[in-house]
C-alpha atoms as a PDB file:
ATOM      1  CA  MET A   1     120.249 101.842 139.480  1.00  0.00           C
ATOM      2  CA  LYS A   2     124.003 102.206 138.780  1.00  0.00           C
ATOM      3  CA  THR A   3     123.952  98.902 136.701  1.00  0.00           C
ATOM      4  CA  ARG A   4     120.994 100.196 134.631  1.00  0.00           C
ATOM      5  CA  LEU A   5     122.827 103.496 133.882  1.00  0.00           C
ATOM      6  CA  ILE A   6     125.999 101.578 132.849  1.00  0.00           C
ATOM      7  CA  ALA A   7     123.920  99.342 130.686  1.00  0.00           C
ATOM      8  CA  LEU A   8     122.221 102.275 128.983  1.00  0.00           C
ATOM      9  CA  PHE A   9     125.552 103.991 128.450  1.00  0.00           C
ATOM     10  CA  VAL A  10     127.054 100.934 126.865  1.00  0.00           C
ATOM     11  CA  PHE A  11     123.947 100.412 124.677  1.00  0.00           C
ATOM     12  CA  LEU A  12     123.891 104.024 123.471  1.00  0.00           C
ATOM     13  CA  SER A  13     127.643 104.177 122.802  1.00  0.00           C
ATOM     14  CA  THR A  14     127.511 100.897 120.876  1.00  0.00           C
ATOM     15  CA  THR A  15     124.624 102.182 118.823  1.00  0.00           C
ATOM     16  CA  LEU A  16     126.428 105.460 118.018  1.00  0.00           C
ATOM     17  CA  ILE A  17     129.634 103.610 116.968  1.00  0.00           C
ATOM     18  CA  ALA A  18     127.675 101.266 114.803  1.00  0.00           C
ATOM     19  CA  GLN A  19     125.852 104.182 113.027  1.00  0.00           C
ATOM     20  CA  ASN A  20     129.078 105.978 112.506  1.00  0.00           C
ATOM     21  CA  SER A  21     130.812 102.905 111.002  1.00  0.00           C
ATOM     22  CA  MET A  22     127.803 102.509 108.674  1.00  0.00           C
ATOM     23  CA  ASP A  23     128.032 106.087 107.649  1.00  0.00           C
ATOM     24  CA  SER A  24     131.730 105.734 106.680  1.00  0.00           C
ATOM     25  CA  VAL A  25     130.882 103.410 103.840  1.00  0.00           C
ATOM     26  CA  GLU A  26     129.920 105.997 101.177  1.00  0.00           C
ATOM     27  CA  SER A  27     129.459 103.715  98.161  1.00  0.00           C
ATOM     28  CA  ASN A  28     126.804 101.610  96.816  1.00  0.00           C
ATOM     29  CA  PRO A  29     127.093  98.136  98.265  1.00  0.00           C
ATOM     30  CA  ARG A  30     126.117  96.648  94.906  1.00  0.00           C
ATOM     31  CA  SER A  31     129.522  97.926  93.530  1.00  0.00           C
ATOM     32  CA  PHE A  32     131.705  95.756  95.980  1.00  0.00           C
ATOM     33  CA  ARG A  33     129.257  92.840  96.885  1.00  0.00           C
ATOM     34  CA  LYS A  34     129.317  91.277  93.460  1.00  0.00           C
ATOM     35  CA  PHE A  35     128.438  87.577  93.956  1.00  0.00           C
ATOM     36  CA  GLY A  36     125.259  86.391  95.796  1.00  0.00           C
ATOM     37  CA  ILE A  37     123.046  83.488  96.607  1.00  0.00           C
ATOM     38  CA  GLY A  38     119.477  83.653  97.604  1.00  0.00           C
ATOM     39  CA  ILE A  39     116.076  82.070  97.899  1.00  0.00           C
ATOM     40  CA  GLN A  40     112.709  83.472  96.695  1.00  0.00           C
ATOM     41  CA  GLY A  41     109.028  82.575  97.206  1.00  0.00           C
ATOM     42  CA  MET A  42     107.023  82.618  93.959  1.00  0.00           C
ATOM     43  CA  GLY A  43     109.011  84.351  91.207  1.00  0.00           C
ATOM     44  CA  PRO A  44     109.833  83.010  87.779  1.00  0.00           C
ATOM     45  CA  THR A  45     109.624  79.353  88.631  1.00  0.00           C
ATOM     46  CA  VAL A  46     106.060  79.775  89.964  1.00  0.00           C
ATOM     47  CA  ILE A  47     106.474  78.317  93.454  1.00  0.00           C
ATOM     48  CA  GLY A  48     109.943  79.295  94.559  1.00  0.00           C
ATOM     49  CA  SER A  49     113.614  78.880  93.793  1.00  0.00           C
ATOM     50  CA  ILE A  50     117.253  79.275  94.803  1.00  0.00           C
ATOM     51  CA  TYR A  51     119.385  81.555  92.712  1.00  0.00           C
ATOM     52  CA  LEU A  52     122.846  82.908  92.102  1.00  0.00           C
ATOM     53  CA  ASN A  53     123.401  86.557  91.059  1.00  0.00           C
ATOM     54  CA  TYR A  54     126.332  88.591  89.931  1.00  0.00           C
ATOM     55  CA  PHE A  55     126.485  92.349  89.817  1.00  0.00           C
ATOM     56  CA  ALA A  56     128.465  93.047  86.486  1.00  0.00           C
ATOM     57  CA  THR A  57     128.249  96.689  87.454  1.00  0.00           C
ATOM     58  CA  HIS A  58     126.508  98.486  90.363  1.00  0.00           C
ATOM     59  CA  ASN A  59     123.474  98.724  88.026  1.00  0.00           C
ATOM     60  CA  ILE A  60     123.369  95.455  86.085  1.00  0.00           C
ATOM     61  CA  ASN A  61     122.701  92.192  87.762  1.00  0.00           C
ATOM     62  CA  ILE A  62     122.714  88.810  86.104  1.00  0.00           C
ATOM     63  CA  GLU A  63     120.849  85.914  87.705  1.00  0.00           C
ATOM     64  CA  LEU A  64     120.505  82.121  87.292  1.00  0.00           C
ATOM     65  CA  GLY A  65     118.010  80.072  89.280  1.00  0.00           C
ATOM     66  CA  THR A  66     116.357  76.725  89.766  1.00  0.00           C
ATOM     67  CA  GLY A  67     113.150  75.831  91.463  1.00  0.00           C
ATOM     68  CA  LEU A  68     110.968  72.783  92.208  1.00  0.00           C
ATOM     69  CA  PHE A  69     109.672  72.681  88.631  1.00  0.00           C
ATOM     70  CA  GLY A  70     112.170  74.420  86.377  1.00  0.00           C
ATOM     71  CA  THR A  71     115.025  76.891  85.779  1.00  0.00           C
ATOM     72  CA  TYR A  72     115.384  80.553  84.635  1.00  0.00           C
ATOM     73  CA  ALA A  73     117.973  83.132  83.807  1.00  0.00           C
ATOM     74  CA  GLY A  74     117.637  86.870  83.579  1.00  0.00           C
ATOM     75  CA  ALA A  75     119.000  90.297  84.142  1.00  0.00           C
ATOM     76  CA  LYS A  76     117.921  93.282  86.253  1.00  0.00           C
ATOM     77  CA  TYR A  77     118.771  96.996  86.111  1.00  0.00           C
ATOM     78  CA  TYR A  78     119.182  98.628  89.553  1.00  0.00           C
ATOM     79  CA  MET A  79     118.803 102.364  89.725  1.00  0.00           C
ATOM     80  CA  GLY A  80     121.433 104.412  91.560  1.00  0.00           C
ATOM     81  CA  LYS A  81     124.997 105.792  91.366  1.00  0.00           C
ATOM     82  CA  LYS A  82     128.133 103.942  92.324  1.00  0.00           C
ATOM     83  CA  GLU A  83     129.425 106.724  94.628  1.00  0.00           C
ATOM     84  CA  ASN A  84     126.103 107.012  96.616  1.00  0.00           C
ATOM     85  CA  LYS A  85     125.518 104.885  99.659  1.00  0.00           C
ATOM     86  CA  GLN A  86     122.232 103.542  98.219  1.00  0.00           C
ATOM     87  CA  LEU A  87     120.878 100.784 100.443  1.00  0.00           C
ATOM     88  CA  PHE A  88     117.360 100.840  98.881  1.00  0.00           C
ATOM     89  CA  SER A  89     117.243 100.450  95.086  1.00  0.00           C
ATOM     90  CA  PRO A  90     114.312 100.082  92.700  1.00  0.00           C
ATOM     91  CA  TYR A  91     114.893  97.724  89.807  1.00  0.00           C
ATOM     92  CA  ALA A  92     113.366  96.347  86.611  1.00  0.00           C
ATOM     93  CA  GLY A  93     114.206  93.260  84.699  1.00  0.00           C
ATOM     94  CA  ILE A  94     113.438  90.224  82.554  1.00  0.00           C
ATOM     95  CA  ASN A  95     113.697  86.511  83.295  1.00  0.00           C
ATOM     96  CA  MET A  96     113.245  83.685  80.798  1.00  0.00           C
ATOM     97  CA  GLY A  97     112.744  80.156  81.891  1.00  0.00           C
ATOM     98  CA  THR A  98     111.333  76.624  81.307  1.00  0.00           C
ATOM     99  CA  PHE A  99     109.691  74.336  83.729  1.00  0.00           C
ATOM    100  CA  LYS A 100     107.344  71.345  83.752  1.00  0.00           C
ATOM    101  CA  LEU A 101     103.756  71.470  84.983  1.00  0.00           C
ATOM    102  CA  PRO A 102     101.181  68.758  85.342  1.00  0.00           C
ATOM    103  CA  ASP A 103      98.817  68.676  82.340  1.00  0.00           C
ATOM    104  CA  PRO A 104      95.621  70.430  83.548  1.00  0.00           C
ATOM    105  CA  LEU A 105      93.319  68.189  81.491  1.00  0.00           C
ATOM    106  CA  ILE A 106      94.576  65.135  83.427  1.00  0.00           C
ATOM    107  CA  PHE A 107      93.268  66.742  86.679  1.00  0.00           C
ATOM    108  CA  ILE A 108      89.876  67.426  85.116  1.00  0.00           C
ATOM    109  CA  PHE A 109      89.182  64.193  83.234  1.00  0.00           C
ATOM    110  CA  GLY A 110      91.484  61.732  85.035  1.00  0.00           C
ATOM    111  CA  GLY A 111      94.146  59.417  83.701  1.00  0.00           C
ATOM    112  CA  ASP A 112      97.924  58.930  84.111  1.00  0.00           C
ATOM    113  CA  LEU A 113      99.726  62.002  85.294  1.00  0.00           C
ATOM    114  CA  ALA A 114     101.585  63.698  82.487  1.00  0.00           C
ATOM    115  CA  TRP A 115     103.947  66.597  82.849  1.00  0.00           C
ATOM    116  CA  LYS A 116     104.396  69.102  80.099  1.00  0.00           C
ATOM    117  CA  ARG A 117     107.252  71.465  79.437  1.00  0.00           C
ATOM    118  CA  VAL A 118     106.247  75.124  79.177  1.00  0.00           C
ATOM    119  CA  TYR A 119     108.200  78.347  78.593  1.00  0.00           C
ATOM    120  CA  SER A 120     107.932  81.527  80.654  1.00  0.00           C
ATOM    121  CA  VAL A 121     108.864  85.155  80.617  1.00  0.00           C
ATOM    122  CA  ASN A 122     108.811  87.136  83.797  1.00  0.00           C
ATOM    123  CA  ILE A 123     109.020  90.917  83.934  1.00  0.00           C
ATOM    124  CA  PRO A 124     109.633  92.058  87.430  1.00  0.00           C
ATOM    125  CA  LEU A 125     109.574  95.586  88.978  1.00  0.00           C
ATOM    126  CA  GLY A 126     110.722  95.758  92.576  1.00  0.00           C
ATOM    127  CA  VAL A 127     112.715  97.325  95.311  1.00  0.00           C
ATOM    128  CA  GLN A 128     115.783  95.918  97.135  1.00  0.00           C
ATOM    129  CA  LEU A 129     117.334  96.666 100.462  1.00  0.00           C
ATOM    130  CA  MET A 130     120.934  95.634 100.599  1.00  0.00           C
ATOM    131  CA  THR A 131     122.959  96.260 103.781  1.00  0.00           C
ATOM    132  CA  LYS A 132     126.677  97.038 103.696  1.00  0.00           C
ATOM    133  CA  ASN A 133     127.264  93.440 104.927  1.00  0.00           C
ATOM    134  CA  GLY A 134     125.587  92.133 101.705  1.00  0.00           C
ATOM    135  CA  PHE A 135     122.345  90.827 103.145  1.00  0.00           C
ATOM    136  CA  ASN A 136     119.424  91.779 100.958  1.00  0.00           C
ATOM    137  CA  PHE A 137     115.708  91.637 100.904  1.00  0.00           C
ATOM    138  CA  SER A 138     113.606  92.332  97.921  1.00  0.00           C
ATOM    139  CA  VAL A 139     109.831  92.621  97.167  1.00  0.00           C
ATOM    140  CA  GLU A 140     108.596  92.623  93.577  1.00  0.00           C
ATOM    141  CA  GLY A 141     105.669  92.653  91.416  1.00  0.00           C
ATOM    142  CA  SER A 142     105.784  91.196  87.947  1.00  0.00           C
ATOM    143  CA  PHE A 143     103.951  90.029  85.006  1.00  0.00           C
ATOM    144  CA  LEU A 144     104.372  86.225  84.220  1.00  0.00           C
ATOM    145  CA  PHE A 145     103.822  84.878  80.707  1.00  0.00           C
ATOM    146  CA  ILE A 146     103.542  81.144  80.211  1.00  0.00           C
ATOM    147  CA  LYS A 147     103.300  79.361  76.848  1.00  0.00           C
ATOM    148  CA  GLY A 148     103.176  75.787  76.047  1.00  0.00           C
ATOM    149  CA  SER A 149     100.662  73.020  75.129  1.00  0.00           C
ATOM    150  CA  THR A 150      98.965  70.089  76.866  1.00  0.00           C
ATOM    151  CA  THR A 151      99.792  66.478  76.026  1.00  0.00           C
ATOM    152  CA  THR A 152      96.853  66.459  73.665  1.00  0.00           C
ATOM    153  CA  GLY A 153      98.097  69.525  71.873  1.00  0.00           C
ATOM    154  CA  LEU A 154      95.874  72.213  73.233  1.00  0.00           C
ATOM    155  CA  PRO A 155      97.692  75.455  73.706  1.00  0.00           C
ATOM    156  CA  ILE A 156      98.466  76.861  77.089  1.00  0.00           C
ATOM    157  CA  LYS A 157      98.844  80.722  77.235  1.00  0.00           C
ATOM    158  CA  ILE A 158      98.781  82.414  80.545  1.00  0.00           C
ATOM    159  CA  ALA A 159      99.533  86.099  81.246  1.00  0.00           C
ATOM    160  CA  SER A 160      99.101  86.937  84.884  1.00  0.00           C
ATOM    161  CA  PRO A 161     100.222  89.397  87.504  1.00  0.00           C
ATOM    162  CA  TRP A 162     102.834  87.757  89.798  1.00  0.00           C
ATOM    163  CA  GLY A 163     105.425  88.600  92.302  1.00  0.00           C
ATOM    164  CA  ALA A 164     108.200  87.416  94.620  1.00  0.00           C
ATOM    165  CA  ILE A 165     109.771  87.853  97.998  1.00  0.00           C
ATOM    166  CA  ARG A 166     113.463  87.362  98.011  1.00  0.00           C
ATOM    167  CA  LEU A 167     116.259  86.889 100.680  1.00  0.00           C
ATOM    168  CA  ALA A 168     119.944  86.839  99.692  1.00  0.00           C
ATOM    169  CA  LYS A 169     123.494  87.373 100.798  1.00  0.00           C
ATOM    170  CA  ASN A 170     125.998  88.936  98.524  1.00  0.00           C
ATOM    171  CA  PHE A 171     129.853  88.528  99.084  1.00  0.00           C
END
């Protein structure tokens, strides 16, 4: 019984100290955790990608990424003030990219596999949780616009709801 009380006391005191140290940071972590690296499922390169990001200010984030099929670059605007400890932040942005996709007509009619370059614009709206240590998790919904043509010259135009789940660490 004595051991359980000591363990409970240690757990509660550790929890309180950790909460107090988190409360002592009274600024937006995006203002001092500038550089980051992350991974995402779905997103602007369709299947997934790794990316680098840089917070030029606590509101403006610049991002470069590459995935299995292509690359993209973009910018996001994060809501919030520099002096507020804002762990959750909604954001909006735009990403432009290019990637190669297999020609859909080859799958339908058969033949040699041909890859075709297409161009994309992704407009995300999401929310990010960034801890004071720089770990962040984001969920976003977006509209993905893809434009290109098949190897036979038929136009490809796709506009679709899309999204992404993102994990990153900022330093």
